[in-house]
Each structure stands twice: as C-alpha cells, then as structure tokens.
C-alpha cells in the first residue's frame, strides 16, 4: 500500500498565489495615450499588463506598434 502522502494529488505551487494584473482599455483613437502610459511603466513591472482596444473590423497591428514604442515585452 502507498503511503498517504504519495496518494495526495499534486497541487501546483501557484495555487493561492497572488498575481497582479494591470488592465488598460482604450478606444481606437487612444493609441498615443496608451503608449504614454505604457512607456511610464518600468520594464521590470511585477505584473501582467492586459491591453484591450476597441478597433474597427480590420486586422490590428497593435502589438507591432507597441513593440516599437515601449520597452515592456509585448506578446
């Protein structure tokens, strides 16, 4: 028979951990303001930054534009 400790399900260390998220929402015309705010954030910010922007139905190149304007990692 297996010891009781090995029968327990494995729980990732991140369960119950705190994750900070900065959420920024802007209209289609808010690129300059968005860039200004993002440039002011430190590149080692200990939080995820979520950006939502209202855009037209055309394909967006927001990630590419932000990569050229700010030092934060953009995905």
PDB file of N, CA and C in Angstrom:
ATOM      1  N   UNK A   1       0.834  -1.185   0.000  1.00  0.00           N
ATOM      2  CA  UNK A   1       0.000   0.000   0.000  1.00  0.00           C
ATOM      3  C   UNK A   1       0.877   1.245   0.000  1.00  0.00           C
ATOM      4  N   UNK A   2       0.468   2.268  -0.765  1.00  0.00           N
ATOM      5  CA  UNK A   2       1.245   3.505  -0.866  1.00  0.00           C
ATOM      6  C   UNK A   2       1.052   4.357   0.379  1.00  0.00           C
ATOM      7  N   UNK A   3       2.125   5.049   0.812  1.00  0.00           N
ATOM      8  CA  UNK A   3       1.967   5.980   1.937  1.00  0.00           C
ATOM      9  C   UNK A   3       0.935   7.063   1.568  1.00  0.00           C
ATOM     10  N   UNK A   4       0.216   7.540   2.571  1.00  0.00           N
ATOM     11  CA  UNK A   4      -0.841   8.526   2.336  1.00  0.00           C
ATOM     12  C   UNK A   4      -0.325   9.784   1.631  1.00  0.00           C
ATOM     13  N   UNK A   5       0.894  10.222   1.938  1.00  0.00           N
ATOM     14  CA  UNK A   5       1.436  11.443   1.339  1.00  0.00           C
ATOM     15  C   UNK A   5       1.608  11.318  -0.172  1.00  0.00           C
ATOM     16  N   UNK A   6       1.857  10.116  -0.672  1.00  0.00           N
ATOM     17  CA  UNK A   6       2.009   9.950  -2.117  1.00  0.00           C
ATOM     18  C   UNK A   6       0.663   9.798  -2.819  1.00  0.00           C
ATOM     19  N   UNK A   7      -0.392   9.600  -2.054  1.00  0.00           N
ATOM     20  CA  UNK A   7      -1.712   9.456  -2.642  1.00  0.00           C
ATOM     21  C   UNK A   7      -2.408  10.801  -2.857  1.00  0.00           C
ATOM     22  N   UNK A   8      -1.882  11.843  -2.272  1.00  0.00           N
ATOM     23  CA  UNK A   8      -2.468  13.173  -2.417  1.00  0.00           C
ATOM     24  C   UNK A   8      -2.220  13.697  -3.823  1.00  0.00           C
ATOM     25  N   UNK A   9      -3.204  14.371  -4.426  1.00  0.00           N
ATOM     26  CA  UNK A   9      -2.978  14.945  -5.754  1.00  0.00           C
ATOM     27  C   UNK A   9      -1.940  16.054  -5.680  1.00  0.00           C
ATOM     28  N   UNK A  10      -1.191  16.172  -6.741  1.00  0.00           N
ATOM     29  CA  UNK A  10      -0.170  17.211  -6.807  1.00  0.00           C
ATOM     30  C   UNK A  10      -0.842  18.566  -7.013  1.00  0.00           C
ATOM     31  N   UNK A  11      -0.476  19.545  -6.196  1.00  0.00           N
ATOM     32  CA  UNK A  11      -1.041  20.891  -6.302  1.00  0.00           C
ATOM     33  C   UNK A  11       0.078  21.837  -6.707  1.00  0.00           C
ATOM     34  N   UNK A  12      -0.079  22.532  -7.833  1.00  0.00           N
ATOM     35  CA  UNK A  12       0.967  23.475  -8.241  1.00  0.00           C
ATOM     36  C   UNK A  12       1.201  24.532  -7.171  1.00  0.00           C
ATOM     37  N   UNK A  13       2.427  24.973  -7.049  1.00  0.00           N
ATOM     38  CA  UNK A  13       2.775  25.992  -6.057  1.00  0.00           C
ATOM     39  C   UNK A  13       2.041  27.299  -6.297  1.00  0.00           C
ATOM     40  N   UNK A  14       1.556  27.518  -7.510  1.00  0.00           N
ATOM     41  CA  UNK A  14       0.905  28.790  -7.817  1.00  0.00           C
ATOM     42  C   UNK A  14      -0.529  28.868  -7.304  1.00  0.00           C
ATOM     43  N   UNK A  15      -1.098  27.763  -6.899  1.00  0.00           N
ATOM     44  CA  UNK A  15      -2.456  27.790  -6.362  1.00  0.00           C
ATOM     45  C   UNK A  15      -2.451  28.659  -5.102  1.00  0.00           C
ATOM     46  N   UNK A  16      -3.310  29.626  -5.070  1.00  0.00           N
ATOM     47  CA  UNK A  16      -3.383  30.532  -3.928  1.00  0.00           C
ATOM     48  C   UNK A  16      -2.388  31.670  -3.992  1.00  0.00           C
ATOM     49  N   UNK A  17      -1.500  31.645  -4.984  1.00  0.00           N
ATOM     50  CA  UNK A  17      -0.528  32.730  -5.122  1.00  0.00           C
ATOM     51  C   UNK A  17      -1.225  33.963  -5.689  1.00  0.00           C
ATOM     52  N   UNK A  18      -0.666  35.096  -5.443  1.00  0.00           N
ATOM     53  CA  UNK A  18      -1.227  36.363  -5.918  1.00  0.00           C
ATOM     54  C   UNK A  18      -0.541  36.759  -7.214  1.00  0.00           C
ATOM     55  N   UNK A  19      -1.348  37.123  -8.225  1.00  0.00           N
ATOM     56  CA  UNK A  19      -0.839  37.606  -9.491  1.00  0.00           C
ATOM     57  C   UNK A  19      -1.452  38.969  -9.763  1.00  0.00           C
ATOM     58  N   UNK A  20      -0.614  39.969  -9.912  1.00  0.00           N
ATOM     59  CA  UNK A  20      -1.110  41.312 -10.191  1.00  0.00           C
ATOM     60  C   UNK A  20      -1.282  41.503 -11.686  1.00  0.00           C
ATOM     61  N   UNK A  21      -2.361  42.178 -12.055  1.00  0.00           N
ATOM     62  CA  UNK A  21      -2.664  42.464 -13.447  1.00  0.00           C
ATOM     63  C   UNK A  21      -3.054  43.932 -13.566  1.00  0.00           C
ATOM     64  N   UNK A  22      -2.468  44.607 -14.523  1.00  0.00           N
ATOM     65  CA  UNK A  22      -2.846  45.979 -14.853  1.00  0.00           C
ATOM     66  C   UNK A  22      -3.664  45.900 -16.130  1.00  0.00           C
ATOM     67  N   UNK A  23      -4.898  46.390 -16.094  1.00  0.00           N
ATOM     68  CA  UNK A  23      -5.767  46.349 -17.276  1.00  0.00           C
ATOM     69  C   UNK A  23      -5.945  47.767 -17.805  1.00  0.00           C
ATOM     70  N   UNK A  24      -5.653  47.949 -19.083  1.00  0.00           N
ATOM     71  CA  UNK A  24      -5.812  49.242 -19.746  1.00  0.00           C
ATOM     72  C   UNK A  24      -6.779  49.058 -20.906  1.00  0.00           C
ATOM     73  N   UNK A  25      -7.783  49.913 -20.974  1.00  0.00           N
ATOM     74  CA  UNK A  25      -8.781  49.829 -22.027  1.00  0.00           C
ATOM     75  C   UNK A  25      -8.849  51.191 -22.707  1.00  0.00           C
ATOM     76  N   UNK A  26      -8.852  51.171 -24.038  1.00  0.00           N
ATOM     77  CA  UNK A  26      -8.850  52.424 -24.778  1.00  0.00           C
ATOM     78  C   UNK A  26      -9.703  52.307 -26.037  1.00  0.00           C
ATOM     79  N   UNK A  27     -10.088  53.434 -26.568  1.00  0.00           N
ATOM     80  CA  UNK A  27     -10.815  53.447 -27.838  1.00  0.00           C
ATOM     81  C   UNK A  27      -9.806  53.399 -28.973  1.00  0.00           C
ATOM     82  N   UNK A  28     -10.308  53.313 -30.176  1.00  0.00           N
ATOM     83  CA  UNK A  28      -9.433  53.220 -31.349  1.00  0.00           C
ATOM     84  C   UNK A  28      -8.513  54.429 -31.465  1.00  0.00           C
ATOM     85  N   UNK A  29      -8.934  55.563 -30.982  1.00  0.00           N
ATOM     86  CA  UNK A  29      -8.115  56.777 -31.078  1.00  0.00           C
ATOM     87  C   UNK A  29      -7.179  56.986 -29.901  1.00  0.00           C
ATOM     88  N   UNK A  30      -7.078  56.016 -29.016  1.00  0.00           N
ATOM     89  CA  UNK A  30      -6.300  56.197 -27.801  1.00  0.00           C
ATOM     90  C   UNK A  30      -4.884  55.669 -27.847  1.00  0.00           C
ATOM     91  N   UNK A  31      -4.344  55.422 -29.027  1.00  0.00           N
ATOM     92  CA  UNK A  31      -3.007  54.829 -29.131  1.00  0.00           C
ATOM     93  C   UNK A  31      -1.930  55.699 -28.495  1.00  0.00           C
ATOM     94  N   UNK A  32      -1.975  56.988 -28.711  1.00  0.00           N
ATOM     95  CA  UNK A  32      -0.937  57.866 -28.156  1.00  0.00           C
ATOM     96  C   UNK A  32      -0.995  57.885 -26.633  1.00  0.00           C
ATOM     97  N   UNK A  33      -2.196  57.983 -26.074  1.00  0.00           N
ATOM     98  CA  UNK A  33      -2.344  57.966 -24.614  1.00  0.00           C
ATOM     99  C   UNK A  33      -1.904  56.606 -24.050  1.00  0.00           C
ATOM    100  N   UNK A  34      -2.287  55.547 -24.717  1.00  0.00           N
ATOM    101  CA  UNK A  34      -1.893  54.204 -24.298  1.00  0.00           C
ATOM    102  C   UNK A  34      -0.374  54.068 -24.305  1.00  0.00           C
ATOM    103  N   UNK A  35       0.264  54.539 -25.360  1.00  0.00           N
ATOM    104  CA  UNK A  35       1.726  54.481 -25.456  1.00  0.00           C
ATOM    105  C   UNK A  35       2.379  55.277 -24.338  1.00  0.00           C
ATOM    106  N   UNK A  36       1.819  56.423 -24.013  1.00  0.00           N
ATOM    107  CA  UNK A  36       2.371  57.262 -22.940  1.00  0.00           C
ATOM    108  C   UNK A  36       2.317  56.535 -21.602  1.00  0.00           C
ATOM    109  N   UNK A  37       1.184  55.931 -21.307  1.00  0.00           N
ATOM    110  CA  UNK A  37       1.046  55.193 -20.048  1.00  0.00           C
ATOM    111  C   UNK A  37       1.998  54.004 -20.014  1.00  0.00           C
ATOM    112  N   UNK A  38       2.067  53.245 -21.081  1.00  0.00           N
ATOM    113  CA  UNK A  38       2.923  52.061 -21.104  1.00  0.00           C
ATOM    114  C   UNK A  38       4.403  52.425 -21.027  1.00  0.00           C
ATOM    115  N   UNK A  39       4.799  53.515 -21.650  1.00  0.00           N
ATOM    116  CA  UNK A  39       6.203  53.942 -21.561  1.00  0.00           C
ATOM    117  C   UNK A  39       6.583  54.334 -20.138  1.00  0.00           C
ATOM    118  N   UNK A  40       5.605  54.782 -19.355  1.00  0.00           N
ATOM    119  CA  UNK A  40       5.877  55.204 -17.976  1.00  0.00           C
ATOM    120  C   UNK A  40       6.024  54.012 -17.024  1.00  0.00           C
ATOM    121  N   UNK A  41       5.571  52.833 -17.445  1.00  0.00           N
ATOM    122  CA  UNK A  41       5.696  51.653 -16.588  1.00  0.00           C
ATOM    123  C   UNK A  41       7.119  51.107 -16.648  1.00  0.00           C
ATOM    124  N   UNK A  42       7.652  50.659 -15.515  1.00  0.00           N
ATOM    125  CA  UNK A  42       9.002  50.090 -15.531  1.00  0.00           C
ATOM    126  C   UNK A  42       9.037  48.774 -16.306  1.00  0.00           C
ATOM    127  N   UNK A  43      10.137  48.516 -16.977  1.00  0.00           N
ATOM    128  CA  UNK A  43      10.250  47.283 -17.768  1.00  0.00           C
ATOM    129  C   UNK A  43      10.274  46.031 -16.893  1.00  0.00           C
ATOM    130  N   UNK A  44      10.557  46.187 -15.618  1.00  0.00           N
ATOM    131  CA  UNK A  44      10.559  45.039 -14.701  1.00  0.00           C
ATOM    132  C   UNK A  44       9.309  45.036 -13.818  1.00  0.00           C
ATOM    133  N   UNK A  45       8.224  45.589 -14.311  1.00  0.00           N
ATOM    134  CA  UNK A  45       6.959  45.647 -13.581  1.00  0.00           C
ATOM    135  C   UNK A  45       6.555  44.237 -13.150  1.00  0.00           C
ATOM    136  N   UNK A  46       6.316  44.020 -11.859  1.00  0.00           N
ATOM    137  CA  UNK A  46       5.973  42.672 -11.393  1.00  0.00           C
ATOM    138  C   UNK A  46       4.486  42.365 -11.562  1.00  0.00           C
ATOM    139  N   UNK A  47       3.972  42.630 -12.743  1.00  0.00           N
ATOM    140  CA  UNK A  47       2.557  42.392 -13.033  1.00  0.00           C
ATOM    141  C   UNK A  47       2.379  42.177 -14.525  1.00  0.00           C
ATOM    142  N   UNK A  48       1.321  41.485 -14.868  1.00  0.00           N
ATOM    143  CA  UNK A  48       0.951  41.350 -16.277  1.00  0.00           C
ATOM    144  C   UNK A  48       0.192  42.618 -16.674  1.00  0.00           C
ATOM    145  N   UNK A  49       0.360  43.032 -17.909  1.00  0.00           N
ATOM    146  CA  UNK A  49      -0.371  44.189 -18.409  1.00  0.00           C
ATOM    147  C   UNK A  49      -1.284  43.703 -19.531  1.00  0.00           C
ATOM    148  N   UNK A  50      -2.566  43.888 -19.334  1.00  0.00           N
ATOM    149  CA  UNK A  50      -3.567  43.479 -20.314  1.00  0.00           C
ATOM    150  C   UNK A  50      -4.089  44.731 -21.004  1.00  0.00           C
ATOM    151  N   UNK A  51      -4.003  44.752 -22.335  1.00  0.00           N
ATOM    152  CA  UNK A  51      -4.461  45.906 -23.100  1.00  0.00           C
ATOM    153  C   UNK A  51      -5.636  45.476 -23.964  1.00  0.00           C
ATOM    154  N   UNK A  52      -6.736  46.208 -23.863  1.00  0.00           N
ATOM    155  CA  UNK A  52      -7.904  45.975 -24.717  1.00  0.00           C
ATOM    156  C   UNK A  52      -8.182  47.290 -25.436  1.00  0.00           C
ATOM    157  N   UNK A  53      -8.274  47.217 -26.748  1.00  0.00           N
ATOM    158  CA  UNK A  53      -8.522  48.419 -27.528  1.00  0.00           C
ATOM    159  C   UNK A  53      -9.658  48.161 -28.506  1.00  0.00           C
ATOM    160  N   UNK A  54     -10.598  49.083 -28.537  1.00  0.00           N
ATOM    161  CA  UNK A  54     -11.701  48.989 -29.494  1.00  0.00           C
ATOM    162  C   UNK A  54     -11.153  49.346 -30.861  1.00  0.00           C
ATOM    163  N   UNK A  55     -11.323  48.450 -31.808  1.00  0.00           N
ATOM    164  CA  UNK A  55     -10.789  48.658 -33.155  1.00  0.00           C
ATOM    165  C   UNK A  55     -11.870  48.405 -34.191  1.00  0.00           C
ATOM    166  N   UNK A  56     -11.602  48.845 -35.382  1.00  0.00           N
ATOM    167  CA  UNK A  56     -12.513  48.538 -36.477  1.00  0.00           C
ATOM    168  C   UNK A  56     -12.399  47.060 -36.811  1.00  0.00           C
ATOM    169  N   UNK A  57     -13.171  46.596 -37.759  1.00  0.00           N
ATOM    170  CA  UNK A  57     -13.150  45.193 -38.141  1.00  0.00           C
ATOM    171  C   UNK A  57     -11.875  44.802 -38.885  1.00  0.00           C
ATOM    172  N   UNK A  58     -11.089  45.768 -39.293  1.00  0.00           N
ATOM    173  CA  UNK A  58      -9.839  45.467 -39.993  1.00  0.00           C
ATOM    174  C   UNK A  58      -8.848  44.863 -39.011  1.00  0.00           C
ATOM    175  N   UNK A  59      -7.937  44.091 -39.534  1.00  0.00           N
ATOM    176  CA  UNK A  59      -6.912  43.439 -38.701  1.00  0.00           C
ATOM    177  C   UNK A  59      -6.048  44.500 -38.002  1.00  0.00           C
ATOM    178  N   UNK A  60      -5.745  44.262 -36.744  1.00  0.00           N
ATOM    179  CA  UNK A  60      -4.962  45.202 -35.947  1.00  0.00           C
ATOM    180  C   UNK A  60      -3.488  44.829 -35.929  1.00  0.00           C
ATOM    181  N   UNK A  61      -2.658  45.815 -35.920  1.00  0.00           N
ATOM    182  CA  UNK A  61      -1.222  45.590 -35.734  1.00  0.00           C
ATOM    183  C   UNK A  61      -0.777  46.259 -34.435  1.00  0.00           C
ATOM    184  N   UNK A  62      -1.696  46.314 -33.451  1.00  0.00           N
ATOM    185  CA  UNK A  62      -1.406  46.979 -32.181  1.00  0.00           C
ATOM    186  C   UNK A  62      -0.150  46.424 -31.526  1.00  0.00           C
ATOM    187  N   UNK A  63       0.006  45.107 -31.491  1.00  0.00           N
ATOM    188  CA  UNK A  63       1.190  44.514 -30.848  1.00  0.00           C
ATOM    189  C   UNK A  63       2.468  44.998 -31.521  1.00  0.00           C
ATOM    190  N   UNK A  64       2.493  45.028 -32.833  1.00  0.00           N
ATOM    191  CA  UNK A  64       3.672  45.502 -33.553  1.00  0.00           C
ATOM    192  C   UNK A  64       3.956  46.967 -33.290  1.00  0.00           C
ATOM    193  N   UNK A  65       2.920  47.772 -33.245  1.00  0.00           N
ATOM    194  CA  UNK A  65       3.081  49.211 -32.966  1.00  0.00           C
ATOM    195  C   UNK A  65       3.638  49.405 -31.567  1.00  0.00           C
ATOM    196  N   UNK A  66       3.077  48.693 -30.593  1.00  0.00           N
ATOM    197  CA  UNK A  66       3.551  48.840 -29.209  1.00  0.00           C
ATOM    198  C   UNK A  66       4.986  48.360 -29.051  1.00  0.00           C
ATOM    199  N   UNK A  67       5.367  47.297 -29.756  1.00  0.00           N
ATOM    200  CA  UNK A  67       6.754  46.815 -29.682  1.00  0.00           C
ATOM    201  C   UNK A  67       7.744  47.905 -30.079  1.00  0.00           C
ATOM    202  N   UNK A  68       7.364  48.732 -31.030  1.00  0.00           N
ATOM    203  CA  UNK A  68       8.259  49.804 -31.479  1.00  0.00           C
ATOM    204  C   UNK A  68       8.250  51.014 -30.556  1.00  0.00           C
ATOM    205  N   UNK A  69       7.241  51.140 -29.697  1.00  0.00           N
ATOM    206  CA  UNK A  69       7.079  52.338 -28.881  1.00  0.00           C
ATOM    207  C   UNK A  69       7.458  52.194 -27.412  1.00  0.00           C
ATOM    208  N   UNK A  70       7.448  50.957 -26.877  1.00  0.00           N
ATOM    209  CA  UNK A  70       7.653  50.778 -25.438  1.00  0.00           C
ATOM    210  C   UNK A  70       8.729  49.742 -25.164  1.00  0.00           C
ATOM    211  N   UNK A  71       9.192  49.703 -23.917  1.00  0.00           N
ATOM    212  CA  UNK A  71      10.235  48.743 -23.532  1.00  0.00           C
ATOM    213  C   UNK A  71       9.682  47.477 -22.899  1.00  0.00           C
ATOM    214  N   UNK A  72       8.399  47.453 -22.519  1.00  0.00           N
ATOM    215  CA  UNK A  72       7.808  46.239 -21.968  1.00  0.00           C
ATOM    216  C   UNK A  72       7.758  45.154 -23.027  1.00  0.00           C
ATOM    217  N   UNK A  73       7.796  43.906 -22.614  1.00  0.00           N
ATOM    218  CA  UNK A  73       7.685  42.769 -23.533  1.00  0.00           C
ATOM    219  C   UNK A  73       6.252  42.679 -24.032  1.00  0.00           C
ATOM    220  N   UNK A  74       6.054  42.643 -25.337  1.00  0.00           N
ATOM    221  CA  UNK A  74       4.727  42.601 -25.943  1.00  0.00           C
ATOM    222  C   UNK A  74       4.528  41.252 -26.624  1.00  0.00           C
ATOM    223  N   UNK A  75       3.410  40.587 -26.291  1.00  0.00           N
ATOM    224  CA  UNK A  75       3.072  39.316 -26.958  1.00  0.00           C
ATOM    225  C   UNK A  75       1.690  39.388 -27.535  1.00  0.00           C
TER     226      UNK A  75
END
